[in-house]
Amino acid sequence: MNKTILIIEDEEEILYTLRDFLEIEGYQVLTALNGFEAIQLLEKSVMPNLILLDMKMPIMNGWEFAAAFLAKYDHQCPIVITTAAGDAAQRAKDINANDWISKPFDLDTLLEKIKQNEL
């Protein structure tokens, strides 16, 4: 069975590029444009093997999503944050994420991070 990744990203170009790349790599991909959409999606789908989480988004940002996700699901799924912020490691620590990757990143580096962290 294919592993599932949930991408939460408000920049559609990045979201769809990542989705297409990961599908080619054999993953099943779920997408959400913000944390609120992601929480709704999780309520009616299978728990993914990994979540790629952007931090700065409208409606529900990465911090708010992480708090809601951990309150409801605890650590059932690893979270890797994707951020352009210079303090990515600190942001990951702040929300108890498993790992982080700084934007811009190349797809091979992203794939390595996914393989290191997925369930």
N, C-alpha and C. Protein backbone atom coordinates (compact mmCIF):
# COMPACT_ATOMS: atom_id res chain seq x y z
N MET A 1 0.84 -1.20 0.00
CA MET A 1 0.00 0.00 0.00
C MET A 1 0.88 1.25 0.00
N ASN A 2 0.47 2.23 -0.78
CA ASN A 2 1.24 3.47 -0.85
C ASN A 2 1.15 4.23 0.46
N LYS A 3 2.23 4.89 0.82
CA LYS A 3 2.22 5.75 1.99
C LYS A 3 1.56 7.07 1.61
N THR A 4 0.91 7.68 2.60
CA THR A 4 0.16 8.91 2.36
C THR A 4 0.86 10.09 3.03
N ILE A 5 0.93 11.19 2.30
CA ILE A 5 1.48 12.43 2.83
C ILE A 5 0.42 13.52 2.70
N LEU A 6 0.23 14.27 3.77
CA LEU A 6 -0.65 15.44 3.74
C LEU A 6 0.22 16.67 3.62
N ILE A 7 -0.01 17.45 2.57
CA ILE A 7 0.71 18.71 2.36
C ILE A 7 -0.24 19.85 2.73
N ILE A 8 0.19 20.69 3.67
CA ILE A 8 -0.60 21.86 4.06
C ILE A 8 0.22 23.08 3.65
N GLU A 9 -0.23 23.75 2.61
CA GLU A 9 0.55 24.84 1.98
C GLU A 9 -0.42 25.78 1.28
N ASP A 10 -0.31 27.09 1.56
CA ASP A 10 -1.23 28.04 0.95
C ASP A 10 -0.78 28.55 -0.41
N GLU A 11 0.48 28.40 -0.76
CA GLU A 11 0.96 28.82 -2.08
C GLU A 11 0.70 27.67 -3.06
N GLU A 12 -0.30 27.87 -3.91
CA GLU A 12 -0.76 26.78 -4.78
C GLU A 12 0.33 26.24 -5.70
N GLU A 13 1.20 27.09 -6.19
CA GLU A 13 2.27 26.61 -7.08
C GLU A 13 3.17 25.60 -6.34
N ILE A 14 3.53 25.93 -5.11
CA ILE A 14 4.34 25.01 -4.30
C ILE A 14 3.54 23.75 -3.99
N LEU A 15 2.30 23.93 -3.57
CA LEU A 15 1.44 22.79 -3.21
C LEU A 15 1.34 21.78 -4.35
N TYR A 16 1.03 22.27 -5.55
CA TYR A 16 0.81 21.34 -6.67
C TYR A 16 2.12 20.77 -7.21
N THR A 17 3.21 21.52 -7.13
CA THR A 17 4.51 20.98 -7.51
C THR A 17 4.89 19.84 -6.58
N LEU A 18 4.74 20.05 -5.28
CA LEU A 18 5.05 18.99 -4.31
C LEU A 18 4.14 17.79 -4.50
N ARG A 19 2.85 18.04 -4.70
CA ARG A 19 1.91 16.94 -4.92
C ARG A 19 2.31 16.10 -6.12
N ASP A 20 2.58 16.76 -7.24
CA ASP A 20 2.93 16.03 -8.46
C ASP A 20 4.23 15.24 -8.28
N PHE A 21 5.23 15.86 -7.65
CA PHE A 21 6.51 15.20 -7.42
C PHE A 21 6.33 13.96 -6.53
N LEU A 22 5.60 14.12 -5.44
CA LEU A 22 5.44 13.00 -4.49
C LEU A 22 4.59 11.87 -5.08
N GLU A 23 3.62 12.23 -5.91
CA GLU A 23 2.83 11.18 -6.58
C GLU A 23 3.72 10.39 -7.54
N ILE A 24 4.60 11.06 -8.26
CA ILE A 24 5.55 10.37 -9.15
C ILE A 24 6.45 9.44 -8.34
N GLU A 25 6.79 9.85 -7.11
CA GLU A 25 7.63 9.05 -6.22
C GLU A 25 6.86 7.89 -5.57
N GLY A 26 5.56 7.79 -5.86
CA GLY A 26 4.77 6.66 -5.37
C GLY A 26 3.93 6.92 -4.14
N TYR A 27 3.87 8.16 -3.68
CA TYR A 27 3.06 8.48 -2.51
C TYR A 27 1.64 8.83 -2.91
N GLN A 28 0.70 8.53 -2.01
CA GLN A 28 -0.65 9.07 -2.13
C GLN A 28 -0.59 10.42 -1.44
N VAL A 29 -1.14 11.46 -2.05
CA VAL A 29 -0.99 12.80 -1.51
C VAL A 29 -2.36 13.43 -1.25
N LEU A 30 -2.51 13.95 -0.04
CA LEU A 30 -3.67 14.76 0.33
C LEU A 30 -3.19 16.20 0.42
N THR A 31 -4.03 17.15 0.07
CA THR A 31 -3.62 18.56 0.10
C THR A 31 -4.65 19.41 0.82
N ALA A 32 -4.13 20.47 1.46
CA ALA A 32 -4.98 21.47 2.12
C ALA A 32 -4.30 22.82 1.98
N LEU A 33 -5.10 23.86 1.78
CA LEU A 33 -4.55 25.20 1.59
C LEU A 33 -4.34 25.96 2.89
N ASN A 34 -4.80 25.38 4.00
CA ASN A 34 -4.58 25.99 5.32
C ASN A 34 -4.86 24.94 6.39
N GLY A 35 -4.53 25.28 7.62
CA GLY A 35 -4.68 24.33 8.72
C GLY A 35 -6.11 23.91 8.97
N PHE A 36 -7.06 24.83 8.82
CA PHE A 36 -8.47 24.51 9.05
C PHE A 36 -8.95 23.45 8.06
N GLU A 37 -8.59 23.66 6.78
CA GLU A 37 -8.94 22.69 5.74
C GLU A 37 -8.31 21.32 6.06
N ALA A 38 -7.09 21.33 6.57
CA ALA A 38 -6.39 20.09 6.90
C ALA A 38 -7.08 19.34 8.04
N ILE A 39 -7.49 20.07 9.08
CA ILE A 39 -8.18 19.43 10.21
C ILE A 39 -9.48 18.79 9.72
N GLN A 40 -10.23 19.50 8.87
CA GLN A 40 -11.47 18.94 8.31
C GLN A 40 -11.17 17.68 7.49
N LEU A 41 -10.11 17.72 6.72
CA LEU A 41 -9.72 16.57 5.89
C LEU A 41 -9.35 15.37 6.76
N LEU A 42 -8.61 15.60 7.82
CA LEU A 42 -8.19 14.51 8.71
C LEU A 42 -9.38 13.83 9.38
N GLU A 43 -10.45 14.59 9.62
CA GLU A 43 -11.63 14.02 10.27
C GLU A 43 -12.33 13.00 9.40
N LYS A 44 -12.12 13.08 8.08
CA LYS A 44 -12.83 12.15 7.19
C LYS A 44 -11.91 11.33 6.30
N SER A 45 -10.64 11.22 6.69
CA SER A 45 -9.72 10.40 5.88
C SER A 45 -8.80 9.61 6.81
N VAL A 46 -7.97 8.82 6.21
CA VAL A 46 -7.01 8.00 6.95
C VAL A 46 -5.88 8.90 7.47
N MET A 47 -5.30 8.53 8.62
CA MET A 47 -4.17 9.29 9.15
C MET A 47 -2.98 9.12 8.20
N PRO A 48 -2.39 10.23 7.75
CA PRO A 48 -1.25 10.12 6.83
C PRO A 48 0.00 9.57 7.53
N ASN A 49 0.97 9.18 6.73
CA ASN A 49 2.25 8.71 7.25
C ASN A 49 3.17 9.87 7.60
N LEU A 50 2.82 11.07 7.08
CA LEU A 50 3.62 12.26 7.35
C LEU A 50 2.83 13.50 6.95
N ILE A 51 3.05 14.59 7.68
CA ILE A 51 2.45 15.88 7.32
C ILE A 51 3.57 16.86 7.00
N LEU A 52 3.48 17.50 5.83
CA LEU A 52 4.36 18.61 5.47
C LEU A 52 3.56 19.88 5.76
N LEU A 53 4.06 20.68 6.69
CA LEU A 53 3.29 21.81 7.21
C LEU A 53 3.99 23.14 6.96
N ASP A 54 3.34 24.00 6.17
CA ASP A 54 3.79 25.38 6.03
C ASP A 54 3.39 26.11 7.31
N MET A 55 4.13 27.13 7.69
CA MET A 55 3.83 27.82 8.94
C MET A 55 2.94 29.05 8.74
N LYS A 56 3.24 29.86 7.73
CA LYS A 56 2.48 31.11 7.54
C LYS A 56 1.40 30.90 6.49
N MET A 57 0.15 30.81 6.98
CA MET A 57 -1.00 30.61 6.11
C MET A 57 -2.18 31.40 6.65
N PRO A 58 -3.12 31.74 5.78
CA PRO A 58 -4.33 32.41 6.26
C PRO A 58 -5.27 31.40 6.93
N ILE A 59 -6.28 31.90 7.58
CA ILE A 59 -7.36 31.14 8.22
C ILE A 59 -6.87 30.38 9.45
N MET A 60 -6.00 29.39 9.27
CA MET A 60 -5.38 28.68 10.39
C MET A 60 -3.94 28.41 10.01
N ASN A 61 -3.00 29.06 10.72
CA ASN A 61 -1.59 28.92 10.37
C ASN A 61 -0.98 27.63 10.93
N GLY A 62 0.30 27.45 10.70
CA GLY A 62 0.97 26.22 11.13
C GLY A 62 0.99 26.02 12.63
N TRP A 63 1.16 27.10 13.38
CA TRP A 63 1.16 27.00 14.84
C TRP A 63 -0.21 26.55 15.34
N GLU A 64 -1.26 27.18 14.80
CA GLU A 64 -2.62 26.84 15.22
C GLU A 64 -2.97 25.41 14.80
N PHE A 65 -2.57 25.02 13.58
CA PHE A 65 -2.83 23.65 13.14
C PHE A 65 -2.15 22.65 14.07
N ALA A 66 -0.87 22.89 14.35
CA ALA A 66 -0.11 21.96 15.19
C ALA A 66 -0.75 21.80 16.56
N ALA A 67 -1.18 22.91 17.14
CA ALA A 67 -1.83 22.85 18.45
C ALA A 67 -3.13 22.02 18.38
N ALA A 68 -3.93 22.28 17.35
CA ALA A 68 -5.19 21.54 17.20
C ALA A 68 -4.93 20.07 16.90
N PHE A 69 -3.96 19.79 16.04
CA PHE A 69 -3.64 18.40 15.67
C PHE A 69 -3.15 17.63 16.89
N LEU A 70 -2.20 18.20 17.62
CA LEU A 70 -1.64 17.50 18.78
C LEU A 70 -2.67 17.31 19.88
N ALA A 71 -3.56 18.29 20.05
CA ALA A 71 -4.62 18.16 21.07
C ALA A 71 -5.57 17.02 20.72
N LYS A 72 -5.87 16.87 19.45
CA LYS A 72 -6.84 15.85 19.02
C LYS A 72 -6.20 14.48 18.75
N TYR A 73 -5.02 14.48 18.13
CA TYR A 73 -4.43 13.22 17.66
C TYR A 73 -3.10 12.86 18.34
N ASP A 74 -2.62 13.71 19.24
CA ASP A 74 -1.34 13.52 19.89
C ASP A 74 -0.26 13.41 18.81
N HIS A 75 0.65 12.48 18.93
CA HIS A 75 1.74 12.35 17.95
C HIS A 75 1.51 11.13 17.05
N GLN A 76 0.30 10.98 16.53
CA GLN A 76 -0.01 9.83 15.67
C GLN A 76 0.71 9.88 14.34
N CYS A 77 1.17 11.04 13.97
CA CYS A 77 1.76 11.23 12.64
C CYS A 77 2.89 12.25 12.74
N PRO A 78 4.06 11.98 12.14
CA PRO A 78 5.14 12.97 12.17
C PRO A 78 4.80 14.22 11.36
N ILE A 79 5.30 15.34 11.86
CA ILE A 79 5.12 16.63 11.18
C ILE A 79 6.50 17.16 10.81
N VAL A 80 6.65 17.54 9.53
CA VAL A 80 7.85 18.21 9.06
C VAL A 80 7.40 19.58 8.59
N ILE A 81 7.96 20.63 9.20
CA ILE A 81 7.55 21.96 8.77
C ILE A 81 8.39 22.42 7.58
N THR A 82 7.74 23.22 6.73
CA THR A 82 8.42 23.85 5.60
C THR A 82 8.26 25.35 5.80
N THR A 83 9.38 26.05 5.87
CA THR A 83 9.30 27.48 6.15
C THR A 83 10.46 28.23 5.52
N ALA A 84 10.20 29.49 5.16
CA ALA A 84 11.25 30.35 4.64
C ALA A 84 11.93 31.13 5.77
N ALA A 85 11.43 30.98 6.97
CA ALA A 85 11.99 31.71 8.12
C ALA A 85 13.40 31.23 8.43
N GLY A 86 14.23 32.13 8.89
CA GLY A 86 15.60 31.79 9.23
C GLY A 86 15.72 30.91 10.46
N ASP A 87 14.70 30.91 11.29
CA ASP A 87 14.73 30.14 12.54
C ASP A 87 13.88 28.86 12.44
N ALA A 88 14.03 28.16 11.35
CA ALA A 88 13.19 26.98 11.09
C ALA A 88 13.32 25.93 12.20
N ALA A 89 14.53 25.68 12.66
CA ALA A 89 14.73 24.68 13.71
C ALA A 89 13.98 25.06 14.97
N GLN A 90 14.02 26.33 15.33
CA GLN A 90 13.30 26.79 16.53
C GLN A 90 11.80 26.67 16.34
N ARG A 91 11.32 27.02 15.15
CA ARG A 91 9.88 26.90 14.88
C ARG A 91 9.43 25.45 15.00
N ALA A 92 10.23 24.53 14.49
CA ALA A 92 9.90 23.11 14.60
C ALA A 92 9.83 22.70 16.06
N LYS A 93 10.80 23.15 16.84
CA LYS A 93 10.83 22.83 18.27
C LYS A 93 9.61 23.42 18.98
N ASP A 94 9.24 24.65 18.62
CA ASP A 94 8.12 25.35 19.26
C ASP A 94 6.81 24.57 19.13
N ILE A 95 6.63 23.88 18.02
CA ILE A 95 5.35 23.16 17.82
C ILE A 95 5.50 21.65 17.98
N ASN A 96 6.65 21.21 18.49
CA ASN A 96 6.92 19.78 18.66
C ASN A 96 6.90 19.00 17.36
N ALA A 97 7.34 19.66 16.28
CA ALA A 97 7.44 18.97 14.98
C ALA A 97 8.63 18.01 15.02
N ASN A 98 8.57 17.01 14.16
CA ASN A 98 9.64 16.02 14.11
C ASN A 98 10.87 16.52 13.38
N ASP A 99 10.66 17.43 12.42
CA ASP A 99 11.78 17.90 11.61
C ASP A 99 11.34 19.15 10.88
N TRP A 100 12.26 19.72 10.10
CA TRP A 100 11.98 20.92 9.34
C TRP A 100 12.84 20.94 8.08
N ILE A 101 12.38 21.74 7.13
CA ILE A 101 13.16 21.99 5.92
C ILE A 101 12.93 23.44 5.53
N SER A 102 14.02 24.12 5.20
CA SER A 102 13.93 25.54 4.87
C SER A 102 13.60 25.74 3.39
N LYS A 103 12.71 26.67 3.12
CA LYS A 103 12.41 27.08 1.75
C LYS A 103 13.43 28.13 1.33
N PRO A 104 13.87 28.16 0.11
CA PRO A 104 13.57 27.15 -0.92
C PRO A 104 14.40 25.89 -0.68
N PHE A 105 13.83 24.76 -1.06
CA PHE A 105 14.54 23.48 -0.92
C PHE A 105 14.48 22.75 -2.24
N ASP A 106 15.42 21.83 -2.45
CA ASP A 106 15.33 21.03 -3.66
C ASP A 106 14.55 19.76 -3.32
N LEU A 107 13.97 19.17 -4.34
CA LEU A 107 13.06 18.04 -4.13
C LEU A 107 13.78 16.80 -3.60
N ASP A 108 15.04 16.61 -3.96
CA ASP A 108 15.79 15.46 -3.43
C ASP A 108 16.00 15.57 -1.93
N THR A 109 16.29 16.79 -1.46
CA THR A 109 16.46 17.02 -0.02
C THR A 109 15.14 16.78 0.69
N LEU A 110 14.05 17.25 0.10
CA LEU A 110 12.73 17.02 0.69
C LEU A 110 12.44 15.53 0.80
N LEU A 111 12.72 14.79 -0.26
CA LEU A 111 12.47 13.35 -0.25
C LEU A 111 13.28 12.65 0.85
N GLU A 112 14.51 13.08 1.06
CA GLU A 112 15.32 12.54 2.15
C GLU A 112 14.68 12.78 3.50
N LYS A 113 14.20 14.02 3.72
CA LYS A 113 13.53 14.36 4.99
C LYS A 113 12.30 13.50 5.19
N ILE A 114 11.54 13.29 4.12
CA ILE A 114 10.33 12.48 4.21
C ILE A 114 10.68 11.06 4.61
N LYS A 115 11.65 10.48 3.93
CA LYS A 115 12.03 9.09 4.21
C LYS A 115 12.59 8.93 5.63
N GLN A 116 13.26 9.96 6.15
CA GLN A 116 13.79 9.90 7.52
C GLN A 116 12.69 9.96 8.57
N ASN A 117 11.55 10.55 8.24
CA ASN A 117 10.52 10.84 9.25
C ASN A 117 9.21 10.10 9.08
N GLU A 118 8.93 9.54 7.91
CA GLU A 118 7.60 8.95 7.70
C GLU A 118 7.41 7.69 8.56
N LEU A 119 6.16 7.42 8.84
CA LEU A 119 5.79 6.22 9.60
C LEU A 119 5.87 5.01 8.71
